[in-house]
Structures are given as C-alpha cells and as structure tokens.
Amino acid sequence: GSYNNIVFVGDSDSSPSSQESFFRDILLSEISSSKSTIETKNSNDMLSVTIYPNVAEEFATLESLDEIEDISVYSINGRLIKYIPFLNSSKIKLDVSDIPNGLYLIKYRLNDKYQSKKLMVKH
C-alpha cells in the first residue's frame, strides 16, 4: 500500500513528536519485515524439498515446487548407496526397501543446484 496519506499532528517547530517516531518505527518495521519475507521466499522456497515420511519403511516421497533433476542416496559415512538420474519431476517416490536400516543423506538437484536432507530408514 501507499503511505503518502499519513498526517502527523504536532508542533512544526519542535523536534519529532512521539507520534511521528511511533509511525516511523511502524513503517520501517513493515518495510523490513516485508523485505525479509520476500528474500526468504526467493531464496528458500525455490530450492525447498519435502521428504516424507521421515522415518521411511519401504518408500520415501520427495516433493518440491520445482522439478527434482536427480537424487543420490549416501550412507552417513559418505558411501554412495543409490543414484537416480534424469528424474525431472516435482514428486518422486524413492524406494528404500533395499537399503539397510540407518541414517542416510539424500542429495538432490534443483535448478542445477545441489542440496541435501537426512532420511532415516527403518524396516
């Protein structure tokens, strides 16, 4: 919205009134909070992937607003367990039935950027 119509009441010769300071603080707060909200959405939402259920038994679903290009599953000590290329889908059902119980790192690629999340597998 526009803030052009805010009128301050007070002596024009004196220093800024408490009312002016009050409105200035509100405006600065709104500008700051809306700016950080926009930055948060731009930087995080585009690369956000949800993995569920987490603890997975047979399958885990990876879901994103953007297409997931590929997935790698790593053991907690860094060994590549599974690699699935050329997915290009925003929702993927990952079969973990052949993976032993444990904690794994799921590395995925969105918009040519890699990120990772942890997944617990327990049969």
PDB file of N, CA and C in Angstrom:
ATOM      1  N   GLY A   1       0.805  -1.182   0.000  1.00  0.00           N
ATOM      2  CA  GLY A   1       0.000   0.000   0.000  1.00  0.00           C
ATOM      3  C   GLY A   1       0.845   1.241   0.000  1.00  0.00           C
ATOM      4  N   SER A   2       0.166   2.368  -0.177  1.00  0.00           N
ATOM      5  CA  SER A   2       0.825   3.657  -0.195  1.00  0.00           C
ATOM      6  C   SER A   2       0.738   4.300   1.163  1.00  0.00           C
ATOM      7  N   TYR A   3       1.805   4.942   1.583  1.00  0.00           N
ATOM      8  CA  TYR A   3       1.852   5.612   2.870  1.00  0.00           C
ATOM      9  C   TYR A   3       1.859   7.123   2.692  1.00  0.00           C
ATOM     10  N   ASN A   4       1.473   7.635   1.534  1.00  0.00           N
ATOM     11  CA  ASN A   4       1.519   9.064   1.254  1.00  0.00           C
ATOM     12  C   ASN A   4       0.501   9.855   2.049  1.00  0.00           C
ATOM     13  N   ASN A   5      -0.544   9.253   2.546  1.00  0.00           N
ATOM     14  CA  ASN A   5      -1.620   9.976   3.199  1.00  0.00           C
ATOM     15  C   ASN A   5      -1.494  10.023   4.717  1.00  0.00           C
ATOM     16  N   ILE A   6      -0.371   9.644   5.291  1.00  0.00           N
ATOM     17  CA  ILE A   6      -0.198   9.710   6.736  1.00  0.00           C
ATOM     18  C   ILE A   6       0.078  11.166   7.111  1.00  0.00           C
ATOM     19  N   VAL A   7      -0.676  11.665   8.070  1.00  0.00           N
ATOM     20  CA  VAL A   7      -0.525  13.042   8.532  1.00  0.00           C
ATOM     21  C   VAL A   7      -0.057  13.008   9.978  1.00  0.00           C
ATOM     22  N   PHE A   8       0.980  13.766  10.287  1.00  0.00           N
ATOM     23  CA  PHE A   8       1.494  13.857  11.638  1.00  0.00           C
ATOM     24  C   PHE A   8       0.941  15.120  12.290  1.00  0.00           C
ATOM     25  N   VAL A   9       0.490  14.979  13.507  1.00  0.00           N
ATOM     26  CA  VAL A   9      -0.042  16.118  14.247  1.00  0.00           C
ATOM     27  C   VAL A   9       0.967  16.493  15.320  1.00  0.00           C
ATOM     28  N   GLY A  10       1.345  17.763  15.391  1.00  0.00           N
ATOM     29  CA  GLY A  10       2.304  18.209  16.400  1.00  0.00           C
ATOM     30  C   GLY A  10       2.829  19.576  16.028  1.00  0.00           C
ATOM     31  N   ASP A  11       3.673  20.118  16.877  1.00  0.00           N
ATOM     32  CA  ASP A  11       4.262  21.425  16.595  1.00  0.00           C
ATOM     33  C   ASP A  11       5.286  21.287  15.480  1.00  0.00           C
ATOM     34  N   SER A  12       5.203  22.148  14.491  1.00  0.00           N
ATOM     35  CA  SER A  12       6.155  22.068  13.379  1.00  0.00           C
ATOM     36  C   SER A  12       7.523  22.593  13.781  1.00  0.00           C
ATOM     37  N   ASP A  13       7.588  23.416  14.841  1.00  0.00           N
ATOM     38  CA  ASP A  13       8.859  23.997  15.257  1.00  0.00           C
ATOM     39  C   ASP A  13       9.652  23.081  16.188  1.00  0.00           C
ATOM     40  N   SER A  14       9.006  22.086  16.760  1.00  0.00           N
ATOM     41  CA  SER A  14       9.677  21.254  17.757  1.00  0.00           C
ATOM     42  C   SER A  14      10.331  20.037  17.106  1.00  0.00           C
ATOM     43  N   SER A  15      11.064  19.302  17.885  1.00  0.00           N
ATOM     44  CA  SER A  15      11.668  18.061  17.410  1.00  0.00           C
ATOM     45  C   SER A  15      10.560  17.043  17.123  1.00  0.00           C
ATOM     46  N   PRO A  16      10.884  15.977  16.401  1.00  0.00           N
ATOM     47  CA  PRO A  16       9.843  14.997  16.047  1.00  0.00           C
ATOM     48  C   PRO A  16       9.091  14.520  17.282  1.00  0.00           C
ATOM     49  N   SER A  17       7.764  14.498  17.154  1.00  0.00           N
ATOM     50  CA  SER A  17       6.920  14.082  18.271  1.00  0.00           C
ATOM     51  C   SER A  17       7.015  12.584  18.474  1.00  0.00           C
ATOM     52  N   SER A  18       6.507  12.137  19.607  1.00  0.00           N
ATOM     53  CA  SER A  18       6.486  10.701  19.868  1.00  0.00           C
ATOM     54  C   SER A  18       5.561  10.009  18.869  1.00  0.00           C
ATOM     55  N   GLN A  19       4.524  10.727  18.393  1.00  0.00           N
ATOM     56  CA  GLN A  19       3.625  10.166  17.387  1.00  0.00           C
ATOM     57  C   GLN A  19       4.371   9.943  16.067  1.00  0.00           C
ATOM     58  N   GLU A  20       5.191  10.904  15.673  1.00  0.00           N
ATOM     59  CA  GLU A  20       5.985  10.749  14.449  1.00  0.00           C
ATOM     60  C   GLU A  20       6.939   9.568  14.584  1.00  0.00           C
ATOM     61  N   SER A  21       7.599   9.473  15.719  1.00  0.00           N
ATOM     62  CA  SER A  21       8.532   8.361  15.950  1.00  0.00           C
ATOM     63  C   SER A  21       7.802   7.031  15.916  1.00  0.00           C
ATOM     64  N   PHE A  22       6.597   7.007  16.507  1.00  0.00           N
ATOM     65  CA  PHE A  22       5.790   5.795  16.529  1.00  0.00           C
ATOM     66  C   PHE A  22       5.476   5.338  15.108  1.00  0.00           C
ATOM     67  N   PHE A  23       4.959   6.246  14.262  1.00  0.00           N
ATOM     68  CA  PHE A  23       4.621   5.885  12.878  1.00  0.00           C
ATOM     69  C   PHE A  23       5.861   5.522  12.073  1.00  0.00           C
ATOM     70  N   ARG A  24       6.951   6.234  12.264  1.00  0.00           N
ATOM     71  CA  ARG A  24       8.198   5.947  11.542  1.00  0.00           C
ATOM     72  C   ARG A  24       8.666   4.530  11.882  1.00  0.00           C
ATOM     73  N   ASP A  25       8.613   4.173  13.160  1.00  0.00           N
ATOM     74  CA  ASP A  25       9.027   2.831  13.582  1.00  0.00           C
ATOM     75  C   ASP A  25       8.139   1.756  12.971  1.00  0.00           C
ATOM     76  N   ILE A  26       6.830   1.999  12.900  1.00  0.00           N
ATOM     77  CA  ILE A  26       5.914   1.032  12.286  1.00  0.00           C
ATOM     78  C   ILE A  26       6.233   0.861  10.807  1.00  0.00           C
ATOM     79  N   LEU A  27       6.420   1.992  10.106  1.00  0.00           N
ATOM     80  CA  LEU A  27       6.713   1.908   8.665  1.00  0.00           C
ATOM     81  C   LEU A  27       8.017   1.179   8.410  1.00  0.00           C
ATOM     82  N   LEU A  28       9.048   1.517   9.170  1.00  0.00           N
ATOM     83  CA  LEU A  28      10.334   0.839   8.980  1.00  0.00           C
ATOM     84  C   LEU A  28      10.223  -0.637   9.290  1.00  0.00           C
ATOM     85  N   SER A  29       9.453  -0.975  10.321  1.00  0.00           N
ATOM     86  CA  SER A  29       9.261  -2.374  10.679  1.00  0.00           C
ATOM     87  C   SER A  29       8.548  -3.123   9.556  1.00  0.00           C
ATOM     88  N   GLU A  30       7.488  -2.519   8.992  1.00  0.00           N
ATOM     89  CA  GLU A  30       6.752  -3.175   7.908  1.00  0.00           C
ATOM     90  C   GLU A  30       7.621  -3.338   6.668  1.00  0.00           C
ATOM     91  N   ILE A  31       8.402  -2.305   6.348  1.00  0.00           N
ATOM     92  CA  ILE A  31       9.281  -2.396   5.172  1.00  0.00           C
ATOM     93  C   ILE A  31      10.318  -3.482   5.395  1.00  0.00           C
ATOM     94  N   SER A  32      10.925  -3.520   6.585  1.00  0.00           N
ATOM     95  CA  SER A  32      11.946  -4.532   6.878  1.00  0.00           C
ATOM     96  C   SER A  32      11.367  -5.927   6.849  1.00  0.00           C
ATOM     97  N   SER A  33      10.182  -6.119   7.475  1.00  0.00           N
ATOM     98  CA  SER A  33       9.628  -7.472   7.542  1.00  0.00           C
ATOM     99  C   SER A  33       9.167  -7.941   6.167  1.00  0.00           C
ATOM    100  N   SER A  34       8.606  -7.056   5.342  1.00  0.00           N
ATOM    101  CA  SER A  34       8.178  -7.496   4.015  1.00  0.00           C
ATOM    102  C   SER A  34       9.382  -7.798   3.144  1.00  0.00           C
ATOM    103  N   LYS A  35      10.458  -7.044   3.288  1.00  0.00           N
ATOM    104  CA  LYS A  35      11.664  -7.304   2.510  1.00  0.00           C
ATOM    105  C   LYS A  35      12.255  -8.661   2.879  1.00  0.00           C
ATOM    106  N   SER A  36      12.341  -8.967   4.177  1.00  0.00           N
ATOM    107  CA  SER A  36      12.919 -10.246   4.576  1.00  0.00           C
ATOM    108  C   SER A  36      12.012 -11.406   4.176  1.00  0.00           C
ATOM    109  N   THR A  37      10.693 -11.191   4.181  1.00  0.00           N
ATOM    110  CA  THR A  37       9.768 -12.238   3.745  1.00  0.00           C
ATOM    111  C   THR A  37       9.984 -12.540   2.275  1.00  0.00           C
ATOM    112  N   ILE A  38      10.127 -11.504   1.472  1.00  0.00           N
ATOM    113  CA  ILE A  38      10.355 -11.698   0.032  1.00  0.00           C
ATOM    114  C   ILE A  38      11.683 -12.417  -0.188  1.00  0.00           C
ATOM    115  N   GLU A  39      12.727 -11.990   0.514  1.00  0.00           N
ATOM    116  CA  GLU A  39      14.028 -12.645   0.360  1.00  0.00           C
ATOM    117  C   GLU A  39      13.957 -14.108   0.776  1.00  0.00           C
ATOM    118  N   THR A  40      13.247 -14.392   1.843  1.00  0.00           N
ATOM    119  CA  THR A  40      13.115 -15.779   2.306  1.00  0.00           C
ATOM    120  C   THR A  40      12.420 -16.625   1.251  1.00  0.00           C
ATOM    121  N   LYS A  41      11.333 -16.118   0.697  1.00  0.00           N
ATOM    122  CA  LYS A  41      10.610 -16.887  -0.311  1.00  0.00           C
ATOM    123  C   LYS A  41      11.478 -17.113  -1.544  1.00  0.00           C
ATOM    124  N   ASN A  42      12.185 -16.077  -1.988  1.00  0.00           N
ATOM    125  CA  ASN A  42      13.004 -16.217  -3.192  1.00  0.00           C
ATOM    126  C   ASN A  42      14.165 -17.175  -2.996  1.00  0.00           C
ATOM    127  N   SER A  43      14.797 -17.151  -1.830  1.00  0.00           N
ATOM    128  CA  SER A  43      15.988 -17.970  -1.671  1.00  0.00           C
ATOM    129  C   SER A  43      15.687 -19.392  -1.213  1.00  0.00           C
ATOM    130  N   ASN A  44      14.660 -19.591  -0.411  1.00  0.00           N
ATOM    131  CA  ASN A  44      14.434 -20.919   0.153  1.00  0.00           C
ATOM    132  C   ASN A  44      13.347 -21.719  -0.542  1.00  0.00           C
ATOM    133  N   ASP A  45      12.221 -21.095  -0.856  1.00  0.00           N
ATOM    134  CA  ASP A  45      11.108 -21.848  -1.412  1.00  0.00           C
ATOM    135  C   ASP A  45      11.448 -22.491  -2.744  1.00  0.00           C
ATOM    136  N   MET A  46      12.255 -21.813  -3.551  1.00  0.00           N
ATOM    137  CA  MET A  46      12.573 -22.354  -4.867  1.00  0.00           C
ATOM    138  C   MET A  46      13.389 -23.638  -4.757  1.00  0.00           C
ATOM    139  N   LEU A  47      14.184 -23.762  -3.724  1.00  0.00           N
ATOM    140  CA  LEU A  47      15.038 -24.933  -3.587  1.00  0.00           C
ATOM    141  C   LEU A  47      14.563 -25.880  -2.496  1.00  0.00           C
ATOM    142  N   SER A  48      13.362 -25.690  -2.029  1.00  0.00           N
ATOM    143  CA  SER A  48      12.862 -26.482  -0.916  1.00  0.00           C
ATOM    144  C   SER A  48      12.307 -27.825  -1.391  1.00  0.00           C
ATOM    145  N   VAL A  49      12.721 -28.883  -0.714  1.00  0.00           N
ATOM    146  CA  VAL A  49      12.199 -30.221  -0.971  1.00  0.00           C
ATOM    147  C   VAL A  49      11.699 -30.780   0.356  1.00  0.00           C
ATOM    148  N   THR A  50      10.515 -31.342   0.321  1.00  0.00           N
ATOM    149  CA  THR A  50       9.952 -32.008   1.491  1.00  0.00           C
ATOM    150  C   THR A  50      10.120 -33.512   1.303  1.00  0.00           C
ATOM    151  N   ILE A  51      10.616 -34.176   2.340  1.00  0.00           N
ATOM    152  CA  ILE A  51      10.764 -35.636   2.310  1.00  0.00           C
ATOM    153  C   ILE A  51       9.869 -36.218   3.392  1.00  0.00           C
ATOM    154  N   TYR A  52       9.004 -37.149   2.992  1.00  0.00           N
ATOM    155  CA  TYR A  52       8.098 -37.786   3.961  1.00  0.00           C
ATOM    156  C   TYR A  52       7.783 -39.202   3.521  1.00  0.00           C
ATOM    157  N   PRO A  53       7.440 -40.132   4.416  1.00  0.00           N
ATOM    158  CA  PRO A  53       7.625 -39.964   5.846  1.00  0.00           C
ATOM    159  C   PRO A  53       9.106 -40.010   6.184  1.00  0.00           C
ATOM    160  N   ASN A  54       9.452 -39.443   7.275  1.00  0.00           N
ATOM    161  CA  ASN A  54      10.844 -39.486   7.703  1.00  0.00           C
ATOM    162  C   ASN A  54      10.858 -39.965   9.136  1.00  0.00           C
ATOM    163  N   VAL A  55      10.606 -41.154   9.269  1.00  0.00           N
ATOM    164  CA  VAL A  55      11.294 -42.428   9.152  1.00  0.00           C
ATOM    165  C   VAL A  55      10.568 -43.233   8.055  1.00  0.00           C
ATOM    166  N   ALA A  56      11.313 -43.654   7.043  1.00  0.00           N
ATOM    167  CA  ALA A  56      10.727 -44.393   5.926  1.00  0.00           C
ATOM    168  C   ALA A  56      10.922 -45.895   6.121  1.00  0.00           C
ATOM    169  N   GLU A  57       9.901 -46.671   5.729  1.00  0.00           N
ATOM    170  CA  GLU A  57       9.997 -48.127   5.796  1.00  0.00           C
ATOM    171  C   GLU A  57      10.289 -48.716   4.421  1.00  0.00           C
ATOM    172  N   GLU A  58       9.400 -48.487   3.464  1.00  0.00           N
ATOM    173  CA  GLU A  58       9.543 -49.035   2.109  1.00  0.00           C
ATOM    174  C   GLU A  58       9.833 -47.940   1.079  1.00  0.00           C
ATOM    175  N   PHE A  59       9.143 -46.795   1.234  1.00  0.00           N
ATOM    176  CA  PHE A  59       9.274 -45.688   0.281  1.00  0.00           C
ATOM    177  C   PHE A  59       9.351 -44.368   1.027  1.00  0.00           C
ATOM    178  N   ALA A  60      10.027 -43.398   0.421  1.00  0.00           N
ATOM    179  CA  ALA A  60      10.018 -42.014   0.886  1.00  0.00           C
ATOM    180  C   ALA A  60       9.619 -41.166  -0.316  1.00  0.00           C
ATOM    181  N   THR A  61       8.803 -40.159  -0.085  1.00  0.00           N
ATOM    182  CA  THR A  61       8.374 -39.264  -1.159  1.00  0.00           C
ATOM    183  C   THR A  61       9.136 -37.960  -1.040  1.00  0.00           C
ATOM    184  N   LEU A  62       9.696 -37.509  -2.151  1.00  0.00           N
ATOM    185  CA  LEU A  62      10.346 -36.218  -2.231  1.00  0.00           C
ATOM    186  C   LEU A  62       9.450 -35.318  -3.065  1.00  0.00           C
ATOM    187  N   GLU A  63       9.129 -34.146  -2.536  1.00  0.00           N
ATOM    188  CA  GLU A  63       8.208 -33.249  -3.219  1.00  0.00           C
ATOM    189  C   GLU A  63       8.758 -31.826  -3.198  1.00  0.00           C
ATOM    190  N   SER A  64       8.604 -31.130  -4.345  1.00  0.00           N
ATOM    191  CA  SER A  64       9.124 -29.781  -4.493  1.00  0.00           C
ATOM    192  C   SER A  64       8.230 -28.974  -5.423  1.00  0.00           C
ATOM    193  N   LEU A  65       8.347 -27.646  -5.348  1.00  0.00           N
ATOM    194  CA  LEU A  65       7.645 -26.791  -6.299  1.00  0.00           C
ATOM    195  C   LEU A  65       8.318 -26.842  -7.669  1.00  0.00           C
ATOM    196  N   ASP A  66       9.625 -27.097  -7.680  1.00  0.00           N
ATOM    197  CA  ASP A  66      10.387 -27.211  -8.922  1.00  0.00           C
ATOM    198  C   ASP A  66      10.677 -28.675  -9.214  1.00  0.00           C
ATOM    199  N   GLU A  67      11.159 -28.933 -10.417  1.00  0.00           N
ATOM    200  CA  GLU A  67      11.493 -30.314 -10.794  1.00  0.00           C
ATOM    201  C   GLU A  67      12.792 -30.752 -10.138  1.00  0.00           C
ATOM    202  N   ILE A  68      12.750 -31.928  -9.535  1.00  0.00           N
ATOM    203  CA  ILE A  68      13.943 -32.561  -8.981  1.00  0.00           C
ATOM    204  C   ILE A  68      14.622 -33.269 -10.141  1.00  0.00           C
ATOM    205  N   GLU A  69      15.868 -32.905 -10.388  1.00  0.00           N
ATOM    206  CA  GLU A  69      16.565 -33.420 -11.568  1.00  0.00           C
ATOM    207  C   GLU A  69      17.185 -34.794 -11.340  1.00  0.00           C
ATOM    208  N   ASP A  70      17.800 -34.994 -10.186  1.00  0.00           N
ATOM    209  CA  ASP A  70      18.356 -36.307  -9.850  1.00  0.00           C
ATOM    210  C   ASP A  70      18.480 -36.428  -8.340  1.00  0.00           C
ATOM    211  N   ILE A  71      18.658 -37.666  -7.885  1.00  0.00           N
ATOM    212  CA  ILE A  71      18.770 -37.956  -6.456  1.00  0.00           C
ATOM    213  C   ILE A  71      19.939 -38.908  -6.235  1.00  0.00           C
ATOM    214  N   SER A  72      20.717 -38.638  -5.196  1.00  0.00           N
ATOM    215  CA  SER A  72      21.755 -39.556  -4.728  1.00  0.00           C
ATOM    216  C   SER A  72      21.479 -39.864  -3.268  1.00  0.00           C
ATOM    217  N   VAL A  73      21.661 -41.115  -2.892  1.00  0.00           N
ATOM    218  CA  VAL A  73      21.483 -41.537  -1.506  1.00  0.00           C
ATOM    219  C   VAL A  73      22.857 -41.973  -0.997  1.00  0.00           C
ATOM    220  N   TYR A  74      23.300 -41.325   0.092  1.00  0.00           N
ATOM    221  CA  TYR A  74      24.605 -41.620   0.683  1.00  0.00           C
ATOM    222  C   TYR A  74      24.438 -42.162   2.091  1.00  0.00           C
ATOM    223  N   SER A  75      25.300 -43.117   2.440  1.00  0.00           N
ATOM    224  CA  SER A  75      25.337 -43.571   3.832  1.00  0.00           C
ATOM    225  C   SER A  75      25.923 -42.442   4.666  1.00  0.00           C
ATOM    226  N   ILE A  76      25.764 -42.527   5.963  1.00  0.00           N
ATOM    227  CA  ILE A  76      26.228 -41.468   6.846  1.00  0.00           C
ATOM    228  C   ILE A  76      27.752 -41.319   6.806  1.00  0.00           C
ATOM    229  N   ASN A  77      28.462 -42.367   6.366  1.00  0.00           N
ATOM    230  CA  ASN A  77      29.919 -42.260   6.227  1.00  0.00           C
ATOM    231  C   ASN A  77      30.351 -41.925   4.808  1.00  0.00           C
ATOM    232  N   GLY A  78      29.407 -41.490   3.956  1.00  0.00           N
ATOM    233  CA  GLY A  78      29.756 -40.933   2.654  1.00  0.00           C
ATOM    234  C   GLY A  78      29.750 -41.886   1.477  1.00  0.00           C
ATOM    235  N   ARG A  79      29.356 -43.136   1.661  1.00  0.00           N
ATOM    236  CA  ARG A  79      29.336 -44.097   0.563  1.00  0.00           C
ATOM    237  C   ARG A  79      28.065 -43.929  -0.257  1.00  0.00           C
ATOM    238  N   LEU A  80      28.202 -43.838  -1.575  1.00  0.00           N
ATOM    239  CA  LEU A  80      27.044 -43.726  -2.454  1.00  0.00           C
ATOM    240  C   LEU A  80      26.295 -45.051  -2.459  1.00  0.00           C
ATOM    241  N   ILE A  81      25.026 -45.011  -2.074  1.00  0.00           N
ATOM    242  CA  ILE A  81      24.194 -46.207  -1.997  1.00  0.00           C
ATOM    243  C   ILE A  81      23.338 -46.343  -3.251  1.00  0.00           C
ATOM    244  N   LYS A  82      22.805 -45.222  -3.724  1.00  0.00           N
ATOM    245  CA  LYS A  82      21.875 -45.259  -4.851  1.00  0.00           C
ATOM    246  C   LYS A  82      21.938 -43.927  -5.590  1.00  0.00           C
ATOM    247  N   TYR A  83      21.903 -43.985  -6.927  1.00  0.00           N
ATOM    248  CA  TYR A  83      21.865 -42.775  -7.754  1.00  0.00           C
ATOM    249  C   TYR A  83      20.746 -42.930  -8.772  1.00  0.00           C
ATOM    250  N   ILE A  84      19.864 -41.926  -8.847  1.00  0.00           N
ATOM    251  CA  ILE A  84      18.748 -41.965  -9.793  1.00  0.00           C
ATOM    252  C   ILE A  84      18.798 -40.693 -10.637  1.00  0.00           C
ATOM    253  N   PRO A  85      19.271 -40.802 -11.896  1.00  0.00           N
ATOM    254  CA  PRO A  85      19.391 -39.618 -12.764  1.00  0.00           C
ATOM    255  C   PRO A  85      18.120 -39.362 -13.580  1.00  0.00           C
ATOM    256  N   PHE A  86      18.083 -38.210 -14.216  1.00  0.00           N
ATOM    257  CA  PHE A  86      17.079 -37.845 -15.232  1.00  0.00           C
ATOM    258  C   PHE A  86      15.638 -37.968 -14.731  1.00  0.00           C
ATOM    259  N   LEU A  87      15.380 -37.531 -13.515  1.00  0.00           N
ATOM    260  CA  LEU A  87      14.032 -37.642 -12.968  1.00  0.00           C
ATOM    261  C   LEU A  87      13.110 -36.555 -13.516  1.00  0.00           C
ATOM    262  N   ASN A  88      13.547 -35.298 -13.379  1.00  0.00           N
ATOM    263  CA  ASN A  88      12.789 -34.139 -13.868  1.00  0.00           C
ATOM    264  C   ASN A  88      11.312 -34.206 -13.503  1.00  0.00           C
ATOM    265  N   SER A  89      11.066 -34.378 -12.212  1.00  0.00           N
ATOM    266  CA  SER A  89       9.704 -34.449 -11.691  1.00  0.00           C
ATOM    267  C   SER A  89       9.646 -33.699 -10.363  1.00  0.00           C
ATOM    268  N   SER A  90       8.489 -33.142 -10.035  1.00  0.00           N
ATOM    269  CA  SER A  90       8.353 -32.408  -8.778  1.00  0.00           C
ATOM    270  C   SER A  90       7.919 -33.317  -7.620  1.00  0.00           C
ATOM    271  N   LYS A  91       7.553 -34.570  -7.933  1.00  0.00           N
ATOM    272  CA  LYS A  91       7.183 -35.530  -6.889  1.00  0.00           C
ATOM    273  C   LYS A  91       7.774 -36.893  -7.251  1.00  0.00           C
ATOM    274  N   ILE A  92       8.582 -37.427  -6.344  1.00  0.00           N
ATOM    275  CA  ILE A  92       9.289 -38.678  -6.618  1.00  0.00           C
ATOM    276  C   ILE A  92       9.080 -39.640  -5.456  1.00  0.00           C
ATOM    277  N   LYS A  93       8.789 -40.877  -5.797  1.00  0.00           N
ATOM    278  CA  LYS A  93       8.661 -41.944  -4.805  1.00  0.00           C
ATOM    279  C   LYS A  93       9.970 -42.731  -4.819  1.00  0.00           C
ATOM    280  N   LEU A  94      10.722 -42.611  -3.739  1.00  0.00           N
ATOM    281  CA  LEU A  94      12.039 -43.242  -3.627  1.00  0.00           C
ATOM    282  C   LEU A  94      11.903 -44.568  -2.898  1.00  0.00           C
ATOM    283  N   ASP A  95      12.281 -45.656  -3.573  1.00  0.00           N
ATOM    284  CA  ASP A  95      12.231 -46.999  -2.985  1.00  0.00           C
ATOM    285  C   ASP A  95      13.428 -47.180  -2.060  1.00  0.00           C
ATOM    286  N   VAL A  96      13.161 -47.362  -0.770  1.00  0.00           N
ATOM    287  CA  VAL A  96      14.233 -47.599   0.202  1.00  0.00           C
ATOM    288  C   VAL A  96      14.151 -48.999   0.798  1.00  0.00           C
ATOM    289  N   SER A  97      13.322 -49.863   0.204  1.00  0.00           N
ATOM    290  CA  SER A  97      13.131 -51.219   0.740  1.00  0.00           C
ATOM    291  C   SER A  97      14.399 -52.061   0.664  1.00  0.00           C
ATOM    292  N   ASP A  98      15.309 -51.708  -0.262  1.00  0.00           N
ATOM    293  CA  ASP A  98      16.544 -52.471  -0.429  1.00  0.00           C
ATOM    294  C   ASP A  98      17.733 -51.846   0.313  1.00  0.00           C
ATOM    295  N   ILE A  99      17.466 -50.832   1.130  1.00  0.00           N
ATOM    296  CA  ILE A  99      18.519 -50.136   1.874  1.00  0.00           C
ATOM    297  C   ILE A  99      18.432 -50.566   3.340  1.00  0.00           C
ATOM    298  N   PRO A 100      19.564 -50.917   3.956  1.00  0.00           N
ATOM    299  CA  PRO A 100      19.540 -51.318   5.374  1.00  0.00           C
ATOM    300  C   PRO A 100      19.077 -50.178   6.290  1.00  0.00           C
ATOM    301  N   ASN A 101      18.581 -50.543   7.460  1.00  0.00           N
ATOM    302  CA  ASN A 101      18.190 -49.543   8.447  1.00  0.00           C
ATOM    303  C   ASN A 101      19.353 -48.600   8.729  1.00  0.00           C
ATOM    304  N   GLY A 102      19.028 -47.320   8.928  1.00  0.00           N
ATOM    305  CA  GLY A 102      20.069 -46.353   9.271  1.00  0.00           C
ATOM    306  C   GLY A 102      19.723 -44.946   8.822  1.00  0.00           C
ATOM    307  N   LEU A 103      20.656 -44.051   9.065  1.00  0.00           N
ATOM    308  CA  LEU A 103      20.515 -42.651   8.694  1.00  0.00           C
ATOM    309  C   LEU A 103      21.237 -42.416   7.372  1.00  0.00           C
ATOM    310  N   TYR A 104      20.570 -41.744   6.439  1.00  0.00           N
ATOM    311  CA  TYR A 104      21.117 -41.510   5.106  1.00  0.00           C
ATOM    312  C   TYR A 104      21.022 -40.032   4.740  1.00  0.00           C
ATOM    313  N   LEU A 105      21.891 -39.637   3.837  1.00  0.00           N
ATOM    314  CA  LEU A 105      21.870 -38.289   3.299  1.00  0.00           C
ATOM    315  C   LEU A 105      21.297 -38.366   1.892  1.00  0.00           C
ATOM    316  N   ILE A 106      20.187 -37.649   1.659  1.00  0.00           N
ATOM    317  CA  ILE A 106      19.563 -37.604   0.342  1.00  0.00           C
ATOM    318  C   ILE A 106      20.032 -36.317  -0.319  1.00  0.00           C
ATOM    319  N   LYS A 107      20.805 -36.442  -1.374  1.00  0.00           N
ATOM    320  CA  LYS A 107      21.309 -35.282  -2.104  1.00  0.00           C
ATOM    321  C   LYS A 107      20.492 -35.165  -3.380  1.00  0.00           C
ATOM    322  N   TYR A 108      19.935 -33.979  -3.625  1.00  0.00           N
ATOM    323  CA  TYR A 108      19.081 -33.778  -4.791  1.00  0.00           C
ATOM    324  C   TYR A 108      19.496 -32.516  -5.523  1.00  0.00           C
ATOM    325  N   ARG A 109      19.119 -32.465  -6.809  1.00  0.00           N
ATOM    326  CA  ARG A 109      19.482 -31.317  -7.639  1.00  0.00           C
ATOM    327  C   ARG A 109      18.213 -30.650  -8.154  1.00  0.00           C
ATOM    328  N   LEU A 110      18.116 -29.334  -7.877  1.00  0.00           N
ATOM    329  CA  LEU A 110      17.032 -28.487  -8.378  1.00  0.00           C
ATOM    330  C   LEU A 110      17.676 -27.285  -9.061  1.00  0.00           C
ATOM    331  N   ASN A 111      17.241 -26.966 -10.254  1.00  0.00           N
ATOM    332  CA  ASN A 111      17.774 -25.795 -10.963  1.00  0.00           C
ATOM    333  C   ASN A 111      19.304 -25.782 -10.979  1.00  0.00           C
ATOM    334  N   ASP A 112      19.899 -26.946 -11.212  1.00  0.00           N
ATOM    335  CA  ASP A 112      21.356 -27.112 -11.258  1.00  0.00           C
ATOM    336  C   ASP A 112      22.058 -26.748  -9.950  1.00  0.00           C
ATOM    337  N   LYS A 113      21.342 -26.801  -8.834  1.00  0.00           N
ATOM    338  CA  LYS A 113      21.940 -26.559  -7.519  1.00  0.00           C
ATOM    339  C   LYS A 113      21.674 -27.773  -6.644  1.00  0.00           C
ATOM    340  N   TYR A 114      22.722 -28.207  -5.938  1.00  0.00           N
ATOM    341  CA  TYR A 114      22.609 -29.374  -5.069  1.00  0.00           C
ATOM    342  C   TYR A 114      22.305 -28.956  -3.636  1.00  0.00           C
ATOM    343  N   GLN A 115      21.412 -29.722  -3.006  1.00  0.00           N
ATOM    344  CA  GLN A 115      21.132 -29.587  -1.589  1.00  0.00           C
ATOM    345  C   GLN A 115      20.941 -30.986  -1.038  1.00  0.00           C
ATOM    346  N   SER A 116      20.873 -31.087   0.277  1.00  0.00           N
ATOM    347  CA  SER A 116      20.698 -32.415   0.862  1.00  0.00           C
ATOM    348  C   SER A 116      19.871 -32.335   2.136  1.00  0.00           C
ATOM    349  N   LYS A 117      19.261 -33.473   2.451  1.00  0.00           N
ATOM    350  CA  LYS A 117      18.493 -33.634   3.684  1.00  0.00           C
ATOM    351  C   LYS A 117      18.743 -35.036   4.215  1.00  0.00           C
ATOM    352  N   LYS A 118      18.520 -35.194   5.513  1.00  0.00           N
ATOM    353  CA  LYS A 118      18.696 -36.507   6.142  1.00  0.00           C
ATOM    354  C   LYS A 118      17.399 -37.307   6.052  1.00  0.00           C
ATOM    355  N   LEU A 119      17.562 -38.620   5.927  1.00  0.00           N
ATOM    356  CA  LEU A 119      16.421 -39.537   5.914  1.00  0.00           C
ATOM    357  C   LEU A 119      16.766 -40.746   6.762  1.00  0.00           C
ATOM    358  N   MET A 120      15.864 -41.099   7.658  1.00  0.00           N
ATOM    359  CA  MET A 120      16.022 -42.300   8.480  1.00  0.00           C
ATOM    360  C   MET A 120      15.234 -43.433   7.841  1.00  0.00           C
ATOM    361  N   VAL A 121      15.881 -44.578   7.675  1.00  0.00           N
ATOM    362  CA  VAL A 121      15.236 -45.766   7.135  1.00  0.00           C
ATOM    363  C   VAL A 121      15.158 -46.811   8.239  1.00  0.00           C
ATOM    364  N   LYS A 122      13.957 -47.334   8.462  1.00  0.00           N
ATOM    365  CA  LYS A 122      13.758 -48.378   9.479  1.00  0.00           C
ATOM    366  C   LYS A 122      12.643 -49.301   9.004  1.00  0.00           C
ATOM    367  N   HIS A 123      13.022 -50.564   8.745  1.00  0.00           N
ATOM    368  CA  HIS A 123      12.037 -51.547   8.227  1.00  0.00           C
ATOM    369  C   HIS A 123      11.332 -52.257   9.361  1.00  0.00           C
TER     370      HIS A 123
END
